[in-house]
Amino acid sequence: MPRQKSRRISWDAVRVAAVLAVMLGHITHQGPLAHPELADYPFRVTAQFGAAGLMVISGFFVCQTIRRGSTGRWLWRKVARLLPPYLVAVVVTYFVMRTAGAVFNGQGFGGGWFATLFGPTSDGIAWKTSWYVPVGKDLLINLFMVQGWHQSFIWLDGSYWTLPVQLMVFAAAALLWARVPWLRGDRRIQALAWGLTLVPLFVRFVVIGVHNPAPWAYSVVFGFGLHRMHAFAAGIAVWLWSRDRMRGAHLALLLAAVVCAQDLHLYPDHVALPTDPARLPSDLGFAVLLVTICAAAKGPDWTFLRPLAPAIRWLAGISYGVYLVHQELGYVLARVLLDLGVPGWARLPLVVAAAILTGWLLTTLVERPVHERLTRPRRTAPSPRSAPDDLLPERAGGPPAPVSVGGPS
């Protein structure tokens, strides 16, 4: 019986670092931009790169795990892991935003349970202040993940963009792997990675035009997630390189193109607007994170982190839940704490700790039990044989391996 490889702490550390970067950027930078009264934090993380890094990891593990057993079952396991906690997070965020927004704005609702839960405020003003009061339409839009298909649709939480993009990529990967076997050659996969990087740029900047006002233009770019495909391309390239199926120089060239694509999509006017993250720190942060992901993929495990392994693995295991609840709910909590007189230096750790606690609850009460129930085999059957070069083995007993926003499932 072959000896199983031990779990690498390096991947967990990269996930935790990426999610922490997302959290700190949203809490200290995006939050004060949306709600200026929250601008008294002791520092601001103005770089934006963590979520893109999580998509790179997601692309890597698509290649790593899609070869295991049935492709349909692989896709179902992904959906069963990602979708239930997302739906719960959307419902919770909707009602918290609705209640808190009305309280912060001094507004009320009409009579009857439907008006209270889903109707507009009594004065009919949704944006009385920066605290938006969502209605039932917003809840449906977010539950069905169609926020990116029309410019007027409201994202209840800006972090939700990863879910529809990931699910589309997972479905496309499953279809290609099962139905287009000729695409599995190294050169063809390399061409796919370049296509995911360059074609969206051509479509957005040449075919459509970056400032095209037509509703369909917005839908094509943001509905299909064209502005995020380069991150998955990077994950594919890193996986190929880690298996000695792409040369280092080729990888470096493709990752440089990915960083350029990230910059172009984030800053289509080639300058950071007042509501944008800082340009140079975002580009440099993304580049450094890509190098770190390469080290996790092919280098030796980061044994110097072994003393922190229990904490890192625990945080990695709940990172998806933390990601789902940290942003908009964090803004609401920050406003409540501000109204109670809590200064920024004390408010920041409280908001981070609350996100971790809420993410743990979402993982423990929803993600893991629902995933287990939805993927439980109807009859006992031998586990599918993993591909011989898979990095992460199936775990015998205990909770499932952490998914983060883009890890194995």
Protein backbone atom coordinates (compact mmCIF):
# COMPACT_ATOMS: atom_id res chain seq x y z
CA MET A 1 0.00 0.00 0.00
CA PRO A 2 1.59 3.35 -1.01
CA ARG A 3 2.43 5.72 1.76
CA GLN A 4 0.24 8.83 1.81
CA LYS A 5 1.90 12.19 1.56
CA SER A 6 1.56 14.36 4.64
CA ARG A 7 -0.54 17.47 4.38
CA ARG A 8 1.50 20.50 3.32
CA ILE A 9 1.17 23.49 5.60
CA SER A 10 2.34 25.81 2.83
CA TRP A 11 -1.02 25.74 1.01
CA ASP A 12 -2.94 26.46 4.19
CA ALA A 13 -0.60 29.36 4.97
CA VAL A 14 -1.08 30.86 1.50
CA ARG A 15 -4.86 30.63 1.82
CA VAL A 16 -4.85 32.25 5.25
CA ALA A 17 -2.55 35.04 4.06
CA ALA A 18 -4.74 35.74 1.01
CA VAL A 19 -7.97 35.83 3.02
CA LEU A 20 -6.35 38.04 5.65
CA ALA A 21 -5.26 40.44 2.90
CA VAL A 22 -8.85 40.54 1.60
CA MET A 23 -10.25 41.17 5.08
CA LEU A 24 -7.85 43.95 6.00
CA GLY A 25 -8.30 45.65 2.63
CA HIS A 26 -12.07 45.61 2.90
CA ILE A 27 -12.25 46.63 6.55
CA THR A 28 -9.62 49.39 6.56
CA HIS A 29 -9.89 50.72 2.98
CA GLN A 30 -13.10 49.77 1.19
CA GLY A 31 -15.20 50.22 4.34
CA PRO A 32 -14.16 53.85 4.91
CA LEU A 33 -14.62 54.58 1.19
CA ALA A 34 -18.20 53.34 1.36
CA HIS A 35 -18.88 54.77 4.83
CA PRO A 36 -16.58 57.73 5.62
CA GLU A 37 -17.45 57.68 9.33
CA LEU A 38 -15.44 54.44 9.63
CA ALA A 39 -12.18 56.09 8.54
CA ASP A 40 -10.41 56.20 11.93
CA TYR A 41 -8.51 52.90 11.70
CA PRO A 42 -4.83 53.06 12.73
CA PHE A 43 -3.74 52.01 9.22
CA ARG A 44 -5.20 51.32 5.79
CA VAL A 45 -4.43 48.39 3.49
CA THR A 46 -4.93 50.01 0.10
CA ALA A 47 -3.70 47.08 -2.01
CA GLN A 48 -6.16 44.67 -3.62
CA PHE A 49 -4.82 41.27 -4.59
CA GLY A 50 -5.99 38.64 -2.09
CA ALA A 51 -9.18 37.54 -3.88
CA ALA A 52 -7.34 37.24 -7.20
CA GLY A 53 -4.76 35.07 -5.44
CA LEU A 54 -7.54 32.83 -4.17
CA MET A 55 -8.74 32.38 -7.74
CA VAL A 56 -5.21 31.38 -8.76
CA ILE A 57 -5.27 28.72 -6.04
CA SER A 58 -8.69 27.65 -7.27
CA GLY A 59 -7.37 27.21 -10.81
CA PHE A 60 -4.45 25.15 -9.51
CA PHE A 61 -6.68 22.79 -7.59
CA VAL A 62 -9.09 22.39 -10.48
CA CYS A 63 -6.19 20.81 -12.37
CA GLN A 64 -5.13 18.91 -9.28
CA THR A 65 -8.47 17.31 -8.45
CA ILE A 66 -10.57 17.07 -11.60
CA ARG A 67 -8.84 13.82 -12.58
CA ARG A 68 -10.16 12.05 -9.49
CA GLY A 69 -12.99 9.66 -10.30
CA SER A 70 -16.20 10.81 -11.97
CA THR A 71 -16.14 14.34 -13.39
CA GLY A 72 -19.83 14.78 -12.61
CA ARG A 73 -19.27 13.80 -9.00
CA TRP A 74 -16.28 16.14 -8.83
CA LEU A 75 -18.44 19.05 -9.98
CA TRP A 76 -21.25 18.11 -7.60
CA ARG A 77 -18.83 18.07 -4.66
CA LYS A 78 -17.69 21.58 -5.59
CA VAL A 79 -21.26 22.86 -5.83
CA ALA A 80 -22.26 21.10 -2.60
CA ARG A 81 -19.38 22.72 -0.77
CA LEU A 82 -19.65 26.26 -2.11
CA LEU A 83 -23.35 26.92 -2.70
CA PRO A 84 -25.15 26.13 0.64
CA PRO A 85 -23.02 28.42 2.85
CA TYR A 86 -23.23 31.12 0.21
CA LEU A 87 -27.02 31.00 0.17
CA VAL A 88 -27.17 31.15 3.97
CA ALA A 89 -24.70 34.05 4.02
CA VAL A 90 -26.80 35.95 1.46
CA VAL A 91 -30.00 35.59 3.49
CA VAL A 92 -28.30 36.61 6.75
CA THR A 93 -26.53 39.56 5.11
CA TYR A 94 -29.77 40.74 3.49
CA PHE A 95 -31.72 40.88 6.74
CA VAL A 96 -28.85 42.41 8.71
CA MET A 97 -28.31 45.09 6.05
CA ARG A 98 -32.03 45.78 5.84
CA THR A 99 -32.50 46.14 9.56
CA ALA A 100 -29.27 48.01 10.27
CA GLY A 101 -29.64 50.33 7.28
CA ALA A 102 -33.13 51.37 8.36
CA VAL A 103 -31.95 51.97 11.94
CA PHE A 104 -28.86 53.94 10.87
CA ASN A 105 -30.99 56.05 8.50
CA GLY A 106 -33.89 56.58 10.90
CA GLN A 107 -36.32 54.87 8.51
CA GLY A 108 -39.19 52.44 8.92
CA PHE A 109 -41.26 50.04 6.83
CA GLY A 110 -44.90 49.80 5.90
CA GLY A 111 -47.41 47.60 7.67
CA GLY A 112 -47.61 43.86 7.17
CA TRP A 113 -45.00 41.14 7.24
CA PHE A 114 -44.19 41.30 3.52
CA ALA A 115 -43.51 45.04 3.56
CA THR A 116 -41.41 44.62 6.69
CA LEU A 117 -39.28 41.83 5.23
CA PHE A 118 -39.11 42.69 1.55
CA GLY A 119 -40.71 46.05 0.76
CA PRO A 120 -39.15 49.50 0.42
CA THR A 121 -38.83 51.88 3.33
CA SER A 122 -41.82 54.02 4.24
CA ASP A 123 -40.31 57.06 2.52
CA GLY A 124 -39.29 55.02 -0.53
CA ILE A 125 -35.64 56.11 -0.31
CA ALA A 126 -33.14 53.24 -0.50
CA TRP A 127 -29.97 55.38 -0.43
CA LYS A 128 -30.89 57.97 2.20
CA THR A 129 -27.30 57.73 3.44
CA SER A 130 -24.39 55.47 2.49
CA TRP A 131 -26.21 52.61 4.25
CA TYR A 132 -28.33 51.02 1.54
CA VAL A 133 -31.60 49.36 2.58
CA PRO A 134 -32.09 46.32 0.28
CA VAL A 135 -35.46 45.02 -0.87
CA GLY A 136 -36.70 41.59 -1.90
CA LYS A 137 -35.50 42.05 -5.49
CA ASP A 138 -31.93 42.45 -4.22
CA LEU A 139 -32.24 39.23 -2.25
CA LEU A 140 -33.36 37.28 -5.32
CA ILE A 141 -30.63 38.79 -7.50
CA ASN A 142 -27.96 37.70 -5.05
CA LEU A 143 -29.45 34.28 -4.37
CA PHE A 144 -29.43 33.52 -8.10
CA MET A 145 -25.94 35.07 -8.50
CA VAL A 146 -26.85 37.33 -11.41
CA GLN A 147 -25.38 40.51 -9.90
CA GLY A 148 -22.86 40.88 -12.72
CA TRP A 149 -25.40 40.70 -15.52
CA HIS A 150 -26.78 44.24 -15.23
CA GLN A 151 -25.22 47.43 -13.96
CA SER A 152 -28.27 48.32 -11.88
CA PHE A 153 -28.14 45.09 -9.85
CA ILE A 154 -26.92 45.50 -6.27
CA TRP A 155 -24.26 43.31 -4.71
CA LEU A 156 -25.31 42.75 -1.12
CA ASP A 157 -21.64 42.03 -0.44
CA GLY A 158 -18.84 42.87 -2.84
CA SER A 159 -17.00 39.65 -1.98
CA TYR A 160 -19.71 37.56 -3.59
CA TRP A 161 -18.23 38.04 -7.07
CA THR A 162 -16.04 34.96 -6.65
CA LEU A 163 -18.95 32.50 -6.41
CA PRO A 164 -20.59 32.81 -9.86
CA VAL A 165 -17.18 33.07 -11.52
CA GLN A 166 -15.88 29.97 -9.77
CA LEU A 167 -18.98 27.92 -10.50
CA MET A 168 -18.84 28.85 -14.18
CA VAL A 169 -15.17 27.90 -14.34
CA PHE A 170 -15.81 24.60 -12.53
CA ALA A 171 -18.65 23.73 -14.90
CA ALA A 172 -16.55 24.61 -17.96
CA ALA A 173 -13.60 22.59 -16.63
CA ALA A 174 -15.81 19.55 -16.02
CA LEU A 175 -17.29 19.81 -19.51
CA LEU A 176 -13.89 20.19 -21.19
CA TRP A 177 -12.30 17.37 -19.21
CA ALA A 178 -15.15 14.96 -19.89
CA ARG A 179 -16.02 15.89 -23.49
CA VAL A 180 -12.83 17.30 -25.04
CA PRO A 181 -10.07 14.80 -24.22
CA TRP A 182 -7.76 16.13 -26.95
CA LEU A 183 -7.35 19.30 -24.85
CA ARG A 184 -5.37 17.40 -22.23
CA GLY A 185 -2.01 17.67 -23.99
CA ASP A 186 0.57 19.99 -22.44
CA ARG A 187 0.75 22.40 -25.37
CA ARG A 188 -3.03 22.62 -25.62
CA ILE A 189 -3.40 23.32 -21.90
CA GLN A 190 -0.69 25.97 -22.17
CA ALA A 191 -2.58 27.52 -25.08
CA LEU A 192 -5.75 27.47 -22.96
CA ALA A 193 -3.95 29.38 -20.19
CA TRP A 194 -2.75 32.00 -22.67
CA GLY A 195 -6.23 32.20 -24.15
CA LEU A 196 -7.80 32.83 -20.74
CA THR A 197 -5.31 35.67 -20.25
CA LEU A 198 -5.34 37.38 -23.66
CA VAL A 199 -8.78 36.74 -25.19
CA PRO A 200 -10.72 38.57 -22.43
CA LEU A 201 -8.42 41.59 -22.89
CA PHE A 202 -9.06 41.58 -26.64
CA VAL A 203 -12.81 41.22 -26.15
CA ARG A 204 -13.09 43.92 -23.50
CA PHE A 205 -10.69 46.53 -24.88
CA VAL A 206 -10.88 45.96 -28.65
CA VAL A 207 -14.14 44.24 -29.56
CA ILE A 208 -16.46 45.80 -26.96
CA GLY A 209 -14.60 48.92 -25.89
CA VAL A 210 -13.88 49.60 -22.27
CA HIS A 211 -16.37 52.48 -22.02
CA ASN A 212 -19.15 50.93 -24.09
CA PRO A 213 -22.40 52.07 -22.38
CA ALA A 214 -24.56 49.28 -23.79
CA PRO A 215 -26.07 47.00 -21.13
CA TRP A 216 -24.99 43.90 -23.09
CA ALA A 217 -21.37 45.04 -22.95
CA TYR A 218 -21.46 45.13 -19.15
CA SER A 219 -23.13 41.73 -19.08
CA VAL A 220 -20.53 40.09 -21.32
CA VAL A 221 -17.57 41.35 -19.31
CA PHE A 222 -18.87 41.07 -15.77
CA GLY A 223 -21.57 38.45 -16.18
CA PHE A 224 -19.14 35.95 -17.68
CA GLY A 225 -16.31 37.12 -15.42
CA LEU A 226 -13.99 37.89 -18.33
CA HIS A 227 -12.11 40.36 -16.14
CA ARG A 228 -11.12 37.49 -13.78
CA MET A 229 -10.15 34.67 -16.17
CA HIS A 230 -6.43 35.51 -16.05
CA ALA A 231 -6.29 34.43 -12.40
CA PHE A 232 -7.43 30.92 -13.30
CA ALA A 233 -4.92 30.90 -16.15
CA ALA A 234 -2.17 31.55 -13.63
CA GLY A 235 -3.36 28.62 -11.54
CA ILE A 236 -3.28 26.33 -14.58
CA ALA A 237 0.24 27.49 -15.46
CA VAL A 238 1.56 27.00 -11.93
CA TRP A 239 0.12 23.48 -11.89
CA LEU A 240 1.77 22.63 -15.21
CA TRP A 241 5.11 23.99 -13.99
CA SER A 242 4.85 22.12 -10.69
CA ARG A 243 4.49 18.90 -12.72
CA ASP A 244 7.44 19.77 -14.99
CA ARG A 245 5.02 20.21 -17.88
CA MET A 246 5.93 23.86 -18.45
CA ARG A 247 9.36 25.46 -18.40
CA GLY A 248 10.22 28.06 -15.80
CA ALA A 249 10.86 30.76 -18.39
CA HIS A 250 7.48 30.07 -19.99
CA LEU A 251 5.80 30.29 -16.59
CA ALA A 252 7.52 33.57 -15.80
CA LEU A 253 6.36 35.06 -19.11
CA LEU A 254 2.78 33.94 -18.60
CA LEU A 255 2.64 35.17 -15.00
CA ALA A 256 4.01 38.55 -16.12
CA ALA A 257 1.18 38.69 -18.66
CA VAL A 258 -1.28 37.77 -15.91
CA VAL A 259 -0.06 40.64 -13.70
CA CYS A 260 -0.43 43.01 -16.66
CA ALA A 261 -3.95 41.70 -17.32
CA GLN A 262 -4.84 42.20 -13.66
CA ASP A 263 -3.64 45.80 -13.88
CA LEU A 264 -5.55 46.49 -17.10
CA HIS A 265 -8.81 45.05 -15.82
CA LEU A 266 -8.58 46.84 -12.45
CA TYR A 267 -7.46 50.15 -13.98
CA PRO A 268 -8.91 50.32 -17.51
CA ASP A 269 -8.17 54.06 -17.63
CA HIS A 270 -4.54 53.32 -16.68
CA VAL A 271 -4.85 55.35 -13.52
CA ALA A 272 -6.37 54.60 -10.10
CA LEU A 273 -9.65 56.45 -9.60
CA PRO A 274 -10.56 57.82 -6.14
CA THR A 275 -12.62 54.72 -5.31
CA ASP A 276 -9.98 52.26 -6.60
CA PRO A 277 -7.33 50.46 -4.56
CA ALA A 278 -3.78 51.79 -4.85
CA ARG A 279 -2.35 50.70 -8.19
CA LEU A 280 1.33 49.92 -7.54
CA PRO A 281 0.79 48.16 -4.18
CA SER A 282 -1.97 46.06 -5.76
CA ASP A 283 0.20 45.00 -8.71
CA LEU A 284 3.23 44.29 -6.54
CA GLY A 285 1.15 42.45 -3.96
CA PHE A 286 -0.37 40.24 -6.66
CA ALA A 287 3.05 39.51 -8.14
CA VAL A 288 4.49 38.59 -4.75
CA LEU A 289 1.50 36.37 -4.02
CA LEU A 290 2.00 34.57 -7.35
CA VAL A 291 5.62 33.86 -6.43
CA THR A 292 4.47 32.60 -3.03
CA ILE A 293 1.94 30.29 -4.67
CA CYS A 294 4.71 28.92 -6.91
CA ALA A 295 6.80 28.20 -3.81
CA ALA A 296 3.88 26.39 -2.19
CA ALA A 297 3.23 24.38 -5.36
CA LYS A 298 6.72 23.08 -6.06
CA GLY A 299 9.11 24.03 -3.30
CA PRO A 300 9.69 22.19 -0.03
CA ASP A 301 7.00 22.42 2.60
CA TRP A 302 7.29 25.36 4.97
CA THR A 303 8.35 23.39 8.02
CA PHE A 304 9.30 26.57 9.87
CA LEU A 305 5.56 27.11 10.33
CA ARG A 306 5.01 23.75 12.03
CA PRO A 307 4.67 25.31 15.51
CA LEU A 308 1.75 27.35 14.14
CA ALA A 309 0.28 24.47 12.13
CA PRO A 310 -2.84 23.88 14.27
CA ALA A 311 -3.88 27.54 14.11
CA ILE A 312 -3.07 27.89 10.40
CA ARG A 313 -4.97 24.74 9.49
CA TRP A 314 -7.96 25.76 11.56
CA LEU A 315 -8.09 29.18 9.92
CA ALA A 316 -7.66 27.63 6.47
CA GLY A 317 -10.49 25.24 7.20
CA ILE A 318 -12.92 28.07 7.95
CA SER A 319 -11.52 30.58 5.45
CA TYR A 320 -14.40 30.21 3.00
CA GLY A 321 -16.94 30.99 5.71
CA VAL A 322 -14.86 33.94 6.91
CA TYR A 323 -14.63 35.23 3.36
CA LEU A 324 -18.40 35.14 2.95
CA VAL A 325 -19.25 37.09 6.11
CA HIS A 326 -16.43 39.53 6.75
CA GLN A 327 -17.24 42.47 4.48
CA GLU A 328 -20.75 43.91 4.66
CA LEU A 329 -21.53 42.36 8.04
CA GLY A 330 -18.20 43.71 9.21
CA TYR A 331 -19.17 47.22 8.11
CA VAL A 332 -22.41 47.00 10.07
CA LEU A 333 -20.61 45.79 13.19
CA ALA A 334 -18.01 48.54 12.80
CA ARG A 335 -20.77 51.16 12.66
CA VAL A 336 -22.45 49.72 15.77
CA LEU A 337 -19.14 49.77 17.63
CA LEU A 338 -18.49 53.32 16.45
CA ASP A 339 -21.87 54.41 17.79
CA LEU A 340 -20.90 52.83 21.10
CA GLY A 341 -17.76 54.98 21.20
CA VAL A 342 -15.20 52.28 20.31
CA PRO A 343 -12.19 53.88 18.58
CA GLY A 344 -10.68 52.52 15.39
CA TRP A 345 -7.63 50.88 16.99
CA ALA A 346 -9.92 48.76 19.21
CA ARG A 347 -12.65 48.31 16.59
CA LEU A 348 -10.35 46.67 14.04
CA PRO A 349 -9.44 43.53 16.06
CA LEU A 350 -13.06 43.21 17.21
CA VAL A 351 -14.35 43.22 13.62
CA VAL A 352 -11.68 40.72 12.52
CA ALA A 353 -12.44 38.44 15.48
CA ALA A 354 -16.18 38.64 14.79
CA ALA A 355 -15.61 37.66 11.15
CA ILE A 356 -13.55 34.66 12.24
CA LEU A 357 -16.17 33.59 14.78
CA THR A 358 -19.05 34.00 12.33
CA GLY A 359 -17.09 32.20 9.62
CA TRP A 360 -16.44 29.32 12.00
CA LEU A 361 -20.16 29.10 12.80
CA LEU A 362 -21.04 29.10 9.08
CA THR A 363 -18.46 26.38 8.42
CA THR A 364 -19.47 24.22 11.38
CA LEU A 365 -23.24 24.58 11.13
CA VAL A 366 -23.71 24.77 7.37
CA GLU A 367 -20.75 24.10 5.10
CA ARG A 368 -19.44 20.83 6.51
CA PRO A 369 -22.67 19.07 7.55
CA VAL A 370 -24.55 20.02 4.39
CA HIS A 371 -21.62 19.04 2.18
CA GLU A 372 -21.38 15.70 3.94
CA ARG A 373 -25.10 15.07 3.56
CA LEU A 374 -25.27 16.07 -0.09
CA THR A 375 -22.23 14.01 -1.10
CA ARG A 376 -22.87 10.94 1.03
CA PRO A 377 -22.93 7.87 -1.26
CA ARG A 378 -26.20 5.99 -1.40
CA ARG A 379 -24.36 2.70 -1.09
CA THR A 380 -20.92 1.69 0.03
CA ALA A 381 -18.43 1.90 -2.80
CA PRO A 382 -14.64 1.99 -3.01
CA SER A 383 -13.11 5.44 -3.18
CA PRO A 384 -12.02 6.49 -6.67
CA ARG A 385 -8.32 6.13 -7.33
CA SER A 386 -6.53 9.46 -7.29
CA ALA A 387 -4.20 10.41 -10.10
CA PRO A 388 -0.64 9.35 -9.25
CA ASP A 389 0.76 12.87 -8.97
CA ASP A 390 -2.03 14.40 -6.90
CA LEU A 391 -0.63 16.48 -4.08
CA LEU A 392 -3.36 16.15 -1.50
CA PRO A 393 -4.63 12.67 -0.60
CA GLU A 394 -8.13 11.93 0.53
CA ARG A 395 -8.37 12.22 4.31
CA ALA A 396 -9.37 9.18 6.30
CA GLY A 397 -11.99 10.30 8.81
CA GLY A 398 -12.28 13.70 10.42
CA PRO A 399 -13.64 16.87 8.80
CA PRO A 400 -13.18 17.42 5.06
CA ALA A 401 -10.14 19.24 3.77
CA PRO A 402 -10.59 23.02 3.79
CA VAL A 403 -11.98 24.51 0.63
CA SER A 404 -11.09 28.19 1.27
CA VAL A 405 -12.37 30.25 -1.61
CA GLY A 406 -10.42 28.09 -3.96
CA GLY A 407 -8.98 24.93 -2.47
CA PRO A 408 -9.70 21.27 -2.77
CA SER A 409 -13.01 19.71 -2.02
